[in-house]
């Protein structure tokens, strides 16, 4: 399950047919609105549709973020698993596997990459994201971005990423990962609360 999170979120951040006039203005607006997010908490539903099978797998979870470097990504159904990071320290767990272990971000390549990428997106570090992806605006109401990876290596895994923003353009409402093999992973975020207090214990490894 952790590998799936890593695949999706590491890839989170061609124009071609999706090009839309005003893309730069939209990105500048997002940089302003999302750059003001100091904390975020929400729930999410993940749907994984496998191209080879007529089946969809569903998971539910919660996401917590506190600027600059505290993050909690947790699945609560059907299996309780996830991780929490605060600066250089972290902890991950999986009740199905019976594991619960601390880790140092600097010493764990997988978790370091994962944490860096999630924080880049949550803080909408546009400069860093544009080094890895091409952005295009597919629609404005609702605002939907289509991102394609610049790296040929990454394109072997991910064909494109579709990002639907909330009406306020302050957070993400939906993420759709269209993988190269035809599999589709969709995250729908809801009950999102921005810039409110978060229980410190939930963001402590």
N, C-alpha and C. Protein backbone atom coordinates (compact mmCIF):
# COMPACT_ATOMS: atom_id res chain seq x y z
N UNK A 1 0.83 -1.20 0.00
CA UNK A 1 0.00 0.00 0.00
C UNK A 1 0.87 1.26 0.00
N UNK A 2 1.98 1.23 0.75
CA UNK A 2 2.86 2.39 0.78
C UNK A 2 3.47 2.65 -0.59
N UNK A 3 3.70 1.58 -1.37
CA UNK A 3 4.25 1.75 -2.71
C UNK A 3 3.27 2.50 -3.60
N UNK A 4 1.97 2.22 -3.41
CA UNK A 4 0.95 2.91 -4.20
C UNK A 4 0.94 4.39 -3.87
N UNK A 5 1.03 4.73 -2.57
CA UNK A 5 1.07 6.13 -2.17
C UNK A 5 2.28 6.81 -2.80
N UNK A 6 3.43 6.14 -2.74
CA UNK A 6 4.65 6.72 -3.29
C UNK A 6 4.52 6.96 -4.78
N UNK A 7 3.98 5.98 -5.50
CA UNK A 7 3.82 6.14 -6.94
C UNK A 7 2.95 7.33 -7.26
N UNK A 8 1.82 7.43 -6.57
CA UNK A 8 0.88 8.51 -6.86
C UNK A 8 1.43 9.87 -6.48
N UNK A 9 1.96 10.00 -5.28
CA UNK A 9 2.32 11.32 -4.78
C UNK A 9 3.69 11.78 -5.26
N UNK A 10 4.57 10.84 -5.58
CA UNK A 10 5.85 11.26 -6.15
C UNK A 10 5.64 11.82 -7.56
N UNK A 11 4.63 11.32 -8.24
CA UNK A 11 4.35 11.78 -9.59
C UNK A 11 3.49 13.02 -9.60
N UNK A 12 3.01 13.38 -8.43
CA UNK A 12 2.14 14.54 -8.36
C UNK A 12 2.92 15.77 -8.81
N UNK A 13 3.01 16.09 -9.49
CA UNK A 13 3.81 17.16 -9.91
C UNK A 13 5.18 16.68 -9.57
N UNK A 14 0.59 16.53 -23.35
CA UNK A 14 1.33 17.74 -23.25
C UNK A 14 0.43 18.81 -23.67
N UNK A 15 1.04 19.88 -23.04
CA UNK A 15 0.02 20.90 -23.28
C UNK A 15 -0.82 20.49 -24.48
N UNK A 16 -0.25 20.43 -25.69
CA UNK A 16 -0.93 19.91 -26.87
C UNK A 16 -2.39 20.32 -26.97
N UNK A 17 -3.27 19.32 -27.06
CA UNK A 17 -4.70 19.58 -27.26
C UNK A 17 -5.34 20.22 -26.05
N UNK A 18 -4.67 20.17 -24.90
CA UNK A 18 -5.24 20.72 -23.69
C UNK A 18 -4.88 22.18 -23.48
N UNK A 19 -4.09 22.74 -24.35
CA UNK A 19 -3.65 24.12 -24.15
C UNK A 19 -4.85 25.06 -24.04
N UNK A 20 -4.74 26.00 -23.14
CA UNK A 20 -5.85 26.93 -22.88
C UNK A 20 -5.26 28.31 -22.68
N UNK A 21 -5.81 29.28 -23.35
CA UNK A 21 -5.30 30.64 -23.20
C UNK A 21 -5.38 31.07 -21.75
N UNK A 22 -4.31 31.71 -21.26
CA UNK A 22 -4.33 32.20 -19.90
C UNK A 22 -3.76 31.24 -18.88
N UNK A 23 -3.04 30.22 -19.34
CA UNK A 23 -2.48 29.23 -18.40
C UNK A 23 -1.57 29.89 -17.38
N UNK A 24 -0.72 30.81 -17.83
CA UNK A 24 0.21 31.46 -16.91
C UNK A 24 -0.52 32.26 -15.84
N UNK A 25 -1.60 32.93 -16.24
CA UNK A 25 -2.37 33.70 -15.25
C UNK A 25 -3.00 32.79 -14.21
N UNK A 26 -3.49 31.63 -14.68
CA UNK A 26 -4.10 30.67 -13.75
C UNK A 26 -3.07 30.17 -12.76
N UNK A 27 -1.89 29.83 -13.24
CA UNK A 27 -0.84 29.31 -12.35
C UNK A 27 -0.39 30.38 -11.36
N UNK A 28 -0.32 31.61 -11.80
CA UNK A 28 0.05 32.69 -10.88
C UNK A 28 -1.00 32.84 -9.78
N UNK A 29 -2.27 32.71 -10.16
CA UNK A 29 -3.35 32.80 -9.18
C UNK A 29 -3.27 31.66 -8.18
N UNK A 30 -3.01 30.45 -8.67
CA UNK A 30 -2.89 29.30 -7.78
C UNK A 30 -1.71 29.45 -6.83
N UNK A 31 -0.62 29.98 -7.34
CA UNK A 31 0.56 30.18 -6.51
C UNK A 31 0.24 31.10 -5.34
N UNK A 32 -0.62 32.09 -5.59
CA UNK A 32 -1.00 33.03 -4.54
C UNK A 32 -1.97 32.40 -3.54
N UNK A 33 -3.04 31.78 -4.05
CA UNK A 33 -4.07 31.24 -3.16
C UNK A 33 -3.58 30.02 -2.38
N UNK A 34 -2.91 29.09 -3.07
CA UNK A 34 -2.46 27.88 -2.38
C UNK A 34 -1.21 28.16 -1.56
N UNK A 35 -0.47 29.19 -1.92
CA UNK A 35 0.71 29.54 -1.15
C UNK A 35 0.39 30.08 0.22
N UNK A 36 -0.86 30.46 0.45
CA UNK A 36 -1.28 30.99 1.75
C UNK A 36 -1.75 29.91 2.71
N UNK A 37 -1.72 28.66 2.28
CA UNK A 37 -2.18 27.56 3.13
C UNK A 37 -1.11 27.25 4.18
N UNK A 38 -1.45 27.44 5.45
CA UNK A 38 -0.55 27.12 6.55
C UNK A 38 -0.89 25.79 7.20
N UNK A 39 -2.14 25.40 7.11
CA UNK A 39 -2.55 24.08 7.62
C UNK A 39 -3.73 23.59 6.81
N UNK A 40 -3.87 22.28 6.76
CA UNK A 40 -4.96 21.68 6.00
C UNK A 40 -5.31 20.34 6.60
N UNK A 41 -6.60 20.07 6.69
CA UNK A 41 -7.06 18.75 7.09
C UNK A 41 -8.27 18.39 6.25
N UNK A 42 -8.33 17.15 5.82
CA UNK A 42 -9.43 16.71 4.98
C UNK A 42 -9.54 15.20 5.02
N UNK A 43 -10.63 14.71 4.46
CA UNK A 43 -10.82 13.28 4.27
C UNK A 43 -10.70 13.01 2.78
N UNK A 44 -10.44 11.75 2.43
CA UNK A 44 -10.37 11.40 1.01
C UNK A 44 -10.86 9.98 0.78
N UNK A 45 -11.30 9.76 -0.45
CA UNK A 45 -11.66 8.42 -0.92
C UNK A 45 -10.78 8.12 -2.13
N UNK A 46 -10.15 6.96 -2.10
CA UNK A 46 -9.30 6.54 -3.21
C UNK A 46 -9.99 5.40 -3.97
N UNK A 47 -10.07 5.55 -5.28
CA UNK A 47 -10.60 4.49 -6.14
C UNK A 47 -9.49 4.05 -7.10
N UNK A 48 -9.23 2.77 -7.12
CA UNK A 48 -8.21 2.21 -8.01
C UNK A 48 -8.90 1.29 -9.00
N UNK A 49 -8.88 1.66 -10.28
CA UNK A 49 -9.48 0.86 -11.33
C UNK A 49 -8.38 0.20 -12.14
N UNK A 50 -8.39 -1.12 -12.19
CA UNK A 50 -7.36 -1.88 -12.88
C UNK A 50 -7.79 -2.16 -14.32
N UNK A 51 -6.92 -1.86 -15.27
CA UNK A 51 -7.26 -2.03 -16.68
C UNK A 51 -7.52 -3.48 -17.05
N UNK A 52 -6.83 -4.40 -16.39
CA UNK A 52 -6.94 -5.82 -16.74
C UNK A 52 -8.15 -6.49 -16.10
N UNK A 53 -8.79 -5.82 -15.14
CA UNK A 53 -9.91 -6.43 -14.44
C UNK A 53 -11.07 -5.44 -14.38
N UNK A 54 -12.27 -5.97 -14.41
CA UNK A 54 -13.46 -5.13 -14.30
C UNK A 54 -13.78 -4.96 -12.82
N UNK A 55 -12.93 -4.21 -12.13
CA UNK A 55 -13.08 -4.09 -10.69
C UNK A 55 -12.48 -2.76 -10.22
N UNK A 56 -13.05 -2.22 -9.17
CA UNK A 56 -12.55 -0.98 -8.58
C UNK A 56 -12.35 -1.18 -7.09
N UNK A 57 -11.16 -0.86 -6.61
CA UNK A 57 -10.83 -0.99 -5.20
C UNK A 57 -10.99 0.36 -4.52
N UNK A 58 -11.64 0.37 -3.36
CA UNK A 58 -11.88 1.63 -2.65
C UNK A 58 -11.19 1.64 -1.30
N UNK A 59 -10.56 2.76 -0.98
CA UNK A 59 -9.96 2.99 0.34
C UNK A 59 -10.37 4.38 0.80
N UNK A 60 -10.39 4.57 2.12
CA UNK A 60 -10.73 5.87 2.68
C UNK A 60 -9.64 6.29 3.66
N UNK A 61 -9.45 7.59 3.79
CA UNK A 61 -8.40 8.05 4.67
C UNK A 61 -8.50 9.52 5.03
N UNK A 62 -7.46 9.99 5.72
CA UNK A 62 -7.41 11.39 6.14
C UNK A 62 -6.02 11.95 5.84
N UNK A 63 -5.97 13.25 5.56
CA UNK A 63 -4.72 13.96 5.30
C UNK A 63 -4.65 15.18 6.20
N UNK A 64 -3.52 15.33 6.89
CA UNK A 64 -3.28 16.49 7.75
C UNK A 64 -1.95 17.13 7.34
N UNK A 65 -1.91 18.45 7.33
CA UNK A 65 -0.68 19.17 6.99
C UNK A 65 -0.57 20.41 7.85
N UNK A 66 0.65 20.65 8.35
CA UNK A 66 0.94 21.86 9.10
C UNK A 66 2.26 22.41 8.59
N UNK A 67 2.24 23.65 8.10
CA UNK A 67 3.46 24.27 7.59
C UNK A 67 4.50 24.42 8.70
N UNK A 68 5.78 24.21 8.41
CA UNK A 68 6.32 23.98 7.06
C UNK A 68 6.54 22.50 6.72
N UNK A 69 6.60 21.61 7.72
CA UNK A 69 7.06 20.26 7.40
C UNK A 69 6.41 19.16 8.24
N UNK A 70 5.16 19.36 8.65
CA UNK A 70 4.45 18.31 9.39
C UNK A 70 3.32 17.76 8.52
N UNK A 71 3.28 16.44 8.42
CA UNK A 71 2.37 15.80 7.48
C UNK A 71 1.91 14.45 8.01
N UNK A 72 0.62 14.16 7.81
CA UNK A 72 0.07 12.85 8.17
C UNK A 72 -0.83 12.37 7.04
N UNK A 73 -0.51 11.21 6.50
CA UNK A 73 -1.33 10.56 5.46
C UNK A 73 -1.74 9.21 6.03
N UNK A 74 -3.04 9.01 6.19
CA UNK A 74 -3.49 7.80 6.88
C UNK A 74 -4.70 7.17 6.21
N UNK A 75 -4.57 5.88 5.88
CA UNK A 75 -5.72 5.10 5.43
C UNK A 75 -6.43 4.56 6.66
N UNK A 76 -7.76 4.69 6.68
CA UNK A 76 -8.53 4.19 7.82
C UNK A 76 -9.44 3.03 7.44
N UNK A 77 -9.60 2.78 6.14
CA UNK A 77 -10.43 1.68 5.67
C UNK A 77 -10.01 1.31 4.25
N UNK A 78 -9.97 0.02 3.90
CA UNK A 78 -10.29 -1.15 4.72
C UNK A 78 -9.16 -1.58 5.66
N UNK A 79 -7.94 -1.04 5.43
CA UNK A 79 -6.80 -1.36 6.29
C UNK A 79 -6.26 -0.06 6.88
N UNK A 80 -5.93 -0.09 8.15
CA UNK A 80 -5.35 1.09 8.79
C UNK A 80 -3.85 1.09 8.56
N UNK A 81 -3.39 2.09 7.82
CA UNK A 81 -1.97 2.19 7.48
C UNK A 81 -1.66 3.63 7.13
N UNK A 82 -0.40 4.02 7.28
CA UNK A 82 -0.04 5.38 6.92
C UNK A 82 1.29 5.79 7.49
N UNK A 83 1.52 7.10 7.51
CA UNK A 83 2.76 7.64 8.04
C UNK A 83 2.53 9.05 8.55
N UNK A 84 3.41 9.48 9.45
CA UNK A 84 3.39 10.85 9.94
C UNK A 84 4.84 11.34 9.96
N UNK A 85 5.06 12.58 9.53
CA UNK A 85 6.40 13.15 9.47
C UNK A 85 6.38 14.52 10.12
N UNK A 86 7.42 14.79 10.92
CA UNK A 86 7.62 16.11 11.51
C UNK A 86 9.09 16.45 11.35
N UNK A 87 9.39 17.30 10.38
CA UNK A 87 10.79 17.64 10.14
C UNK A 87 11.60 16.45 9.67
N UNK A 88 12.59 16.08 10.46
CA UNK A 88 13.50 15.00 10.07
C UNK A 88 13.07 13.63 10.59
N UNK A 89 12.04 13.60 11.42
CA UNK A 89 11.61 12.35 12.05
C UNK A 89 10.25 11.90 11.52
N UNK A 90 10.03 10.59 11.50
CA UNK A 90 8.76 10.07 11.03
C UNK A 90 8.41 8.74 11.66
N UNK A 91 7.19 8.32 11.43
CA UNK A 91 6.72 7.00 11.89
C UNK A 91 5.72 6.48 10.86
N UNK A 92 5.78 5.18 10.60
CA UNK A 92 4.83 4.56 9.67
C UNK A 92 4.27 3.29 10.30
N UNK A 93 3.07 2.94 9.86
CA UNK A 93 2.40 1.79 10.46
C UNK A 93 1.50 1.10 9.44
N UNK A 94 1.22 -0.17 9.72
CA UNK A 94 0.30 -0.97 8.90
C UNK A 94 -0.27 -2.05 9.80
N UNK A 95 -1.54 -1.93 10.15
CA UNK A 95 -2.13 -2.88 11.10
C UNK A 95 -2.25 -4.27 10.50
N UNK A 96 -2.42 -4.37 9.18
CA UNK A 96 -2.53 -5.69 8.56
C UNK A 96 -1.21 -6.44 8.66
N UNK A 97 -0.11 -5.72 8.44
CA UNK A 97 1.21 -6.34 8.54
C UNK A 97 1.71 -6.39 9.97
N UNK A 98 1.04 -5.67 10.86
CA UNK A 98 1.45 -5.65 12.26
C UNK A 98 2.72 -4.86 12.49
N UNK A 99 2.94 -3.82 11.71
CA UNK A 99 4.16 -3.02 11.84
C UNK A 99 3.85 -1.61 12.32
N UNK A 100 4.76 -1.07 13.09
CA UNK A 100 4.69 0.32 13.58
C UNK A 100 6.11 0.70 13.94
N UNK A 101 6.74 1.52 13.10
CA UNK A 101 8.16 1.78 13.28
C UNK A 101 8.53 3.22 12.99
N UNK A 102 9.50 3.75 13.75
CA UNK A 102 10.00 5.10 13.49
C UNK A 102 11.02 5.08 12.36
N UNK A 103 11.28 6.22 11.78
CA UNK A 103 12.32 6.32 10.76
C UNK A 103 12.83 7.75 10.71
N UNK A 104 14.06 7.88 10.21
CA UNK A 104 14.64 9.19 9.95
C UNK A 104 14.47 9.48 8.47
N UNK A 105 13.91 10.63 8.15
CA UNK A 105 13.63 10.96 6.76
C UNK A 105 14.90 10.90 5.91
N UNK A 106 16.01 11.37 6.45
CA UNK A 106 17.26 11.41 5.69
C UNK A 106 17.79 10.01 5.37
N UNK A 107 17.43 9.03 6.20
CA UNK A 107 17.96 7.68 6.04
C UNK A 107 17.05 6.77 5.23
N UNK A 108 15.85 7.22 4.90
CA UNK A 108 14.87 6.39 4.19
C UNK A 108 14.55 7.06 2.86
N UNK A 109 15.14 6.54 1.78
CA UNK A 109 15.00 7.18 0.47
C UNK A 109 13.54 7.27 0.05
N UNK A 110 12.79 6.18 0.21
CA UNK A 110 11.38 6.16 -0.20
C UNK A 110 10.57 7.22 0.53
N UNK A 111 10.74 7.29 1.84
CA UNK A 111 9.97 8.24 2.63
C UNK A 111 10.44 9.67 2.41
N UNK A 112 11.73 9.86 2.15
CA UNK A 112 12.24 11.21 1.88
C UNK A 112 11.63 11.76 0.59
N UNK A 113 11.63 10.95 -0.46
CA UNK A 113 11.06 11.39 -1.73
C UNK A 113 9.57 11.65 -1.58
N UNK A 114 8.90 10.74 -0.91
CA UNK A 114 7.46 10.87 -0.70
C UNK A 114 7.12 12.15 0.05
N UNK A 115 7.83 12.39 1.14
CA UNK A 115 7.56 13.58 1.96
C UNK A 115 7.82 14.86 1.18
N UNK A 116 8.95 14.90 0.47
CA UNK A 116 9.29 16.09 -0.30
C UNK A 116 8.22 16.40 -1.35
N UNK A 117 7.74 15.36 -2.03
CA UNK A 117 6.77 15.58 -3.09
C UNK A 117 5.41 16.01 -2.55
N UNK A 118 4.98 15.40 -1.45
CA UNK A 118 3.70 15.78 -0.86
C UNK A 118 3.75 17.23 -0.38
N UNK A 119 4.84 17.60 0.26
CA UNK A 119 4.96 18.97 0.75
C UNK A 119 5.02 19.98 -0.40
N UNK A 120 5.68 19.61 -1.50
CA UNK A 120 5.73 20.50 -2.66
C UNK A 120 4.33 20.79 -3.18
N UNK A 121 3.50 19.74 -3.23
CA UNK A 121 2.16 19.93 -3.76
C UNK A 121 1.27 20.66 -2.78
N UNK A 122 1.34 20.27 -1.50
CA UNK A 122 0.48 20.89 -0.50
C UNK A 122 0.77 22.39 -0.40
N UNK A 123 2.04 22.74 -0.49
CA UNK A 123 2.44 24.16 -0.44
C UNK A 123 2.39 24.81 -1.82
N UNK A 124 2.10 24.01 -2.84
CA UNK A 124 2.09 24.45 -4.23
C UNK A 124 3.37 25.20 -4.57
N UNK A 125 4.50 24.47 -4.46
CA UNK A 125 5.80 25.01 -4.83
C UNK A 125 5.89 24.97 -6.35
N UNK A 126 5.33 25.97 -6.99
CA UNK A 126 5.19 25.98 -8.45
C UNK A 126 6.53 25.88 -9.17
N UNK A 127 7.52 26.60 -8.69
CA UNK A 127 8.82 26.58 -9.36
C UNK A 127 9.41 25.18 -9.38
N UNK A 128 9.32 24.48 -8.25
CA UNK A 128 9.86 23.12 -8.17
C UNK A 128 9.05 22.15 -9.02
N UNK A 129 7.73 22.30 -9.00
CA UNK A 129 6.86 21.40 -9.75
C UNK A 129 7.04 21.54 -11.25
N UNK A 130 7.28 22.76 -11.71
CA UNK A 130 7.40 22.98 -13.15
C UNK A 130 8.71 22.45 -13.71
N UNK A 131 9.65 22.13 -12.83
CA UNK A 131 10.87 21.49 -13.29
C UNK A 131 10.59 20.05 -13.73
N UNK A 132 9.51 19.48 -13.22
CA UNK A 132 9.21 18.07 -13.48
C UNK A 132 8.02 17.85 -14.41
N UNK A 133 7.13 18.83 -14.50
CA UNK A 133 5.89 18.63 -15.24
C UNK A 133 5.54 19.79 -16.15
N UNK A 134 4.82 19.48 -17.23
CA UNK A 134 4.20 20.49 -18.09
C UNK A 134 2.77 20.71 -17.60
N UNK A 135 2.38 21.96 -17.45
CA UNK A 135 1.04 22.30 -16.99
C UNK A 135 0.19 22.78 -18.16
N UNK A 136 -1.09 22.42 -18.15
CA UNK A 136 -2.05 22.97 -19.11
C UNK A 136 -3.40 23.07 -18.43
N UNK A 137 -4.19 24.04 -18.85
CA UNK A 137 -5.54 24.21 -18.30
C UNK A 137 -6.53 23.55 -19.24
N UNK A 138 -7.27 22.55 -18.74
CA UNK A 138 -8.26 21.84 -19.55
C UNK A 138 -9.61 22.52 -19.48
N UNK A 139 -9.96 23.09 -18.34
CA UNK A 139 -11.22 23.82 -18.20
C UNK A 139 -11.07 24.81 -17.06
N UNK A 140 -11.93 25.82 -17.04
CA UNK A 140 -11.85 26.85 -16.01
C UNK A 140 -12.98 26.76 -14.99
N UNK A 141 -14.11 26.14 -15.33
CA UNK A 141 -15.22 26.01 -14.39
C UNK A 141 -15.77 24.59 -14.47
N UNK A 142 -15.35 23.71 -13.55
CA UNK A 142 -14.34 23.96 -12.52
C UNK A 142 -12.94 24.01 -13.13
N UNK A 143 -12.02 24.58 -12.40
CA UNK A 143 -10.65 24.66 -12.89
C UNK A 143 -10.03 23.27 -12.86
N UNK A 144 -9.60 22.82 -14.03
CA UNK A 144 -8.96 21.51 -14.13
C UNK A 144 -7.64 21.66 -14.86
N UNK A 145 -6.58 21.17 -14.24
CA UNK A 145 -5.25 21.18 -14.84
C UNK A 145 -4.91 19.78 -15.34
N UNK A 146 -4.19 19.73 -16.45
CA UNK A 146 -3.66 18.47 -16.95
C UNK A 146 -2.14 18.58 -16.92
N UNK A 147 -1.50 17.65 -16.22
CA UNK A 147 -0.05 17.68 -16.07
C UNK A 147 0.55 16.45 -16.74
N UNK A 148 1.62 16.67 -17.48
CA UNK A 148 2.34 15.56 -18.09
C UNK A 148 3.80 15.62 -17.65
N UNK A 149 4.36 14.48 -17.26
CA UNK A 149 5.75 14.47 -16.80
C UNK A 149 6.72 14.73 -17.94
N UNK A 150 7.76 15.48 -17.63
CA UNK A 150 8.79 15.77 -18.62
C UNK A 150 9.73 14.59 -18.82
N UNK A 151 9.95 13.83 -17.77
CA UNK A 151 10.88 12.71 -17.81
C UNK A 151 10.31 11.54 -18.60
N UNK A 152 11.09 11.01 -19.53
CA UNK A 152 10.65 9.83 -20.28
C UNK A 152 10.53 8.62 -19.36
N UNK A 153 11.35 8.57 -18.33
CA UNK A 153 11.27 7.46 -17.38
C UNK A 153 9.94 7.49 -16.64
N UNK A 154 9.55 8.66 -16.19
CA UNK A 154 8.28 8.80 -15.47
C UNK A 154 7.10 8.53 -16.39
N UNK A 155 7.21 8.94 -17.66
CA UNK A 155 6.11 8.73 -18.61
C UNK A 155 5.86 7.25 -18.88
N UNK A 156 6.82 6.41 -18.57
CA UNK A 156 6.59 4.97 -18.70
C UNK A 156 5.62 4.46 -17.64
N UNK A 157 5.47 5.23 -16.58
CA UNK A 157 4.56 4.87 -15.49
C UNK A 157 3.28 5.69 -15.54
N UNK A 158 3.41 6.98 -15.80
CA UNK A 158 2.27 7.90 -15.74
C UNK A 158 2.07 8.61 -17.07
N UNK A 159 0.87 8.48 -17.63
CA UNK A 159 0.58 9.18 -18.88
C UNK A 159 0.22 10.63 -18.62
N UNK A 160 -0.68 10.85 -17.65
CA UNK A 160 -1.03 12.22 -17.30
C UNK A 160 -1.71 12.25 -15.94
N UNK A 161 -1.72 13.43 -15.36
CA UNK A 161 -2.37 13.67 -14.08
C UNK A 161 -3.38 14.79 -14.26
N UNK A 162 -4.62 14.54 -13.85
CA UNK A 162 -5.68 15.55 -13.95
C UNK A 162 -6.00 16.05 -12.55
N UNK A 163 -5.94 17.34 -12.38
CA UNK A 163 -6.14 17.97 -11.07
C UNK A 163 -7.33 18.91 -11.15
N UNK A 164 -8.35 18.64 -10.35
CA UNK A 164 -9.52 19.52 -10.28
C UNK A 164 -9.46 20.31 -8.98
N UNK A 165 -9.51 21.63 -9.09
CA UNK A 165 -9.41 22.51 -7.93
C UNK A 165 -10.79 22.82 -7.36
N UNK A 166 -10.81 23.20 -6.09
CA UNK A 166 -12.04 23.64 -5.45
C UNK A 166 -12.46 24.99 -6.04
N UNK A 167 -13.73 25.39 -5.86
CA UNK A 167 -14.18 26.69 -6.40
C UNK A 167 -13.33 27.87 -5.92
N UNK A 168 -12.82 27.79 -4.68
CA UNK A 168 -12.00 28.88 -4.15
C UNK A 168 -10.56 28.82 -4.65
N UNK A 169 -10.21 27.74 -5.36
CA UNK A 169 -8.85 27.54 -5.87
C UNK A 169 -7.82 27.53 -4.75
N UNK A 170 -8.23 27.11 -3.56
CA UNK A 170 -7.32 27.08 -2.42
C UNK A 170 -6.88 25.67 -2.07
N UNK A 171 -7.52 24.67 -2.68
CA UNK A 171 -7.18 23.28 -2.39
C UNK A 171 -7.64 22.40 -3.53
N UNK A 172 -7.19 21.15 -3.50
CA UNK A 172 -7.50 20.19 -4.55
C UNK A 172 -8.78 19.44 -4.20
N UNK A 173 -9.68 19.33 -5.16
CA UNK A 173 -10.92 18.57 -4.96
C UNK A 173 -10.79 17.14 -5.46
N UNK A 174 -10.03 16.96 -6.54
CA UNK A 174 -9.89 15.62 -7.11
C UNK A 174 -8.57 15.48 -7.84
N UNK A 175 -7.96 14.30 -7.71
CA UNK A 175 -6.76 13.95 -8.46
C UNK A 175 -7.05 12.67 -9.23
N UNK A 176 -6.67 12.66 -10.50
CA UNK A 176 -6.84 11.47 -11.33
C UNK A 176 -5.50 11.12 -11.96
N UNK A 177 -4.96 9.96 -11.59
CA UNK A 177 -3.69 9.50 -12.13
C UNK A 177 -3.98 8.50 -13.25
N UNK A 178 -3.66 8.86 -14.48
CA UNK A 178 -3.86 7.98 -15.62
C UNK A 178 -2.51 7.32 -15.91
N UNK A 179 -2.39 6.08 -15.55
CA UNK A 179 -1.11 5.40 -15.68
C UNK A 179 -0.91 4.87 -17.10
N UNK A 180 0.34 4.61 -17.44
CA UNK A 180 0.68 4.19 -18.80
C UNK A 180 0.05 2.85 -19.17
N UNK A 181 -0.19 1.99 -18.18
CA UNK A 181 -0.76 0.68 -18.46
C UNK A 181 -2.29 0.68 -18.49
N UNK A 182 -2.89 1.87 -18.34
CA UNK A 182 -4.35 1.96 -18.38
C UNK A 182 -5.03 1.98 -17.04
N UNK A 183 -4.30 1.67 -15.97
CA UNK A 183 -4.88 1.75 -14.63
C UNK A 183 -5.17 3.21 -14.28
N UNK A 184 -6.22 3.43 -13.50
CA UNK A 184 -6.59 4.78 -13.10
C UNK A 184 -6.77 4.82 -11.58
N UNK A 185 -6.10 5.76 -10.92
CA UNK A 185 -6.27 5.97 -9.49
C UNK A 185 -6.84 7.36 -9.27
N UNK A 186 -7.96 7.42 -8.57
CA UNK A 186 -8.64 8.69 -8.34
C UNK A 186 -8.74 8.97 -6.85
N UNK A 187 -8.36 10.18 -6.45
CA UNK A 187 -8.53 10.64 -5.07
C UNK A 187 -9.55 11.77 -5.08
N UNK A 188 -10.60 11.62 -4.28
CA UNK A 188 -11.59 12.68 -4.10
C UNK A 188 -11.47 13.20 -2.68
N UNK A 189 -11.21 14.49 -2.53
CA UNK A 189 -11.01 15.10 -1.21
C UNK A 189 -12.26 15.87 -0.80
N UNK A 190 -12.61 15.77 0.48
CA UNK A 190 -13.81 16.46 0.96
C UNK A 190 -13.65 16.79 2.44
N UNK A 191 -14.61 17.55 2.97
CA UNK A 191 -14.54 18.04 4.36
C UNK A 191 -13.22 18.75 4.61
N UNK A 192 -12.75 19.50 3.62
CA UNK A 192 -11.47 20.19 3.73
C UNK A 192 -11.59 21.46 4.57
N UNK A 193 -10.68 21.59 5.53
CA UNK A 193 -10.62 22.78 6.38
C UNK A 193 -9.20 23.34 6.29
N UNK A 194 -9.10 24.62 5.98
CA UNK A 194 -7.81 25.26 5.77
C UNK A 194 -7.52 26.27 6.87
N UNK A 195 -6.25 26.29 7.30
CA UNK A 195 -5.76 27.27 8.27
C UNK A 195 -6.55 27.26 9.58
N UNK A 196 -6.76 26.05 10.11
CA UNK A 196 -7.37 25.90 11.43
C UNK A 196 -6.42 25.10 12.31
N UNK A 197 -6.68 25.09 13.60
CA UNK A 197 -5.82 24.37 14.53
C UNK A 197 -5.94 22.86 14.30
N UNK A 198 -4.80 22.18 14.43
CA UNK A 198 -4.75 20.72 14.32
C UNK A 198 -4.12 20.18 15.59
N UNK A 199 -4.71 19.14 16.14
CA UNK A 199 -4.19 18.49 17.35
C UNK A 199 -2.72 18.12 17.12
N UNK A 200 -1.83 18.69 17.90
CA UNK A 200 -0.39 18.48 17.71
C UNK A 200 0.01 17.02 17.82
N UNK A 201 -0.72 16.24 18.61
CA UNK A 201 -0.37 14.83 18.79
C UNK A 201 -0.54 14.04 17.50
N UNK A 202 -1.43 14.49 16.62
CA UNK A 202 -1.66 13.79 15.36
C UNK A 202 -0.54 14.03 14.36
N UNK A 203 0.27 15.05 14.61
CA UNK A 203 1.38 15.36 13.72
C UNK A 203 2.73 15.13 14.39
N UNK A 204 2.70 14.28 15.42
CA UNK A 204 3.92 13.93 16.14
C UNK A 204 4.24 12.46 15.92
N UNK A 205 5.41 12.14 15.37
CA UNK A 205 5.77 10.73 15.11
C UNK A 205 5.80 9.90 16.39
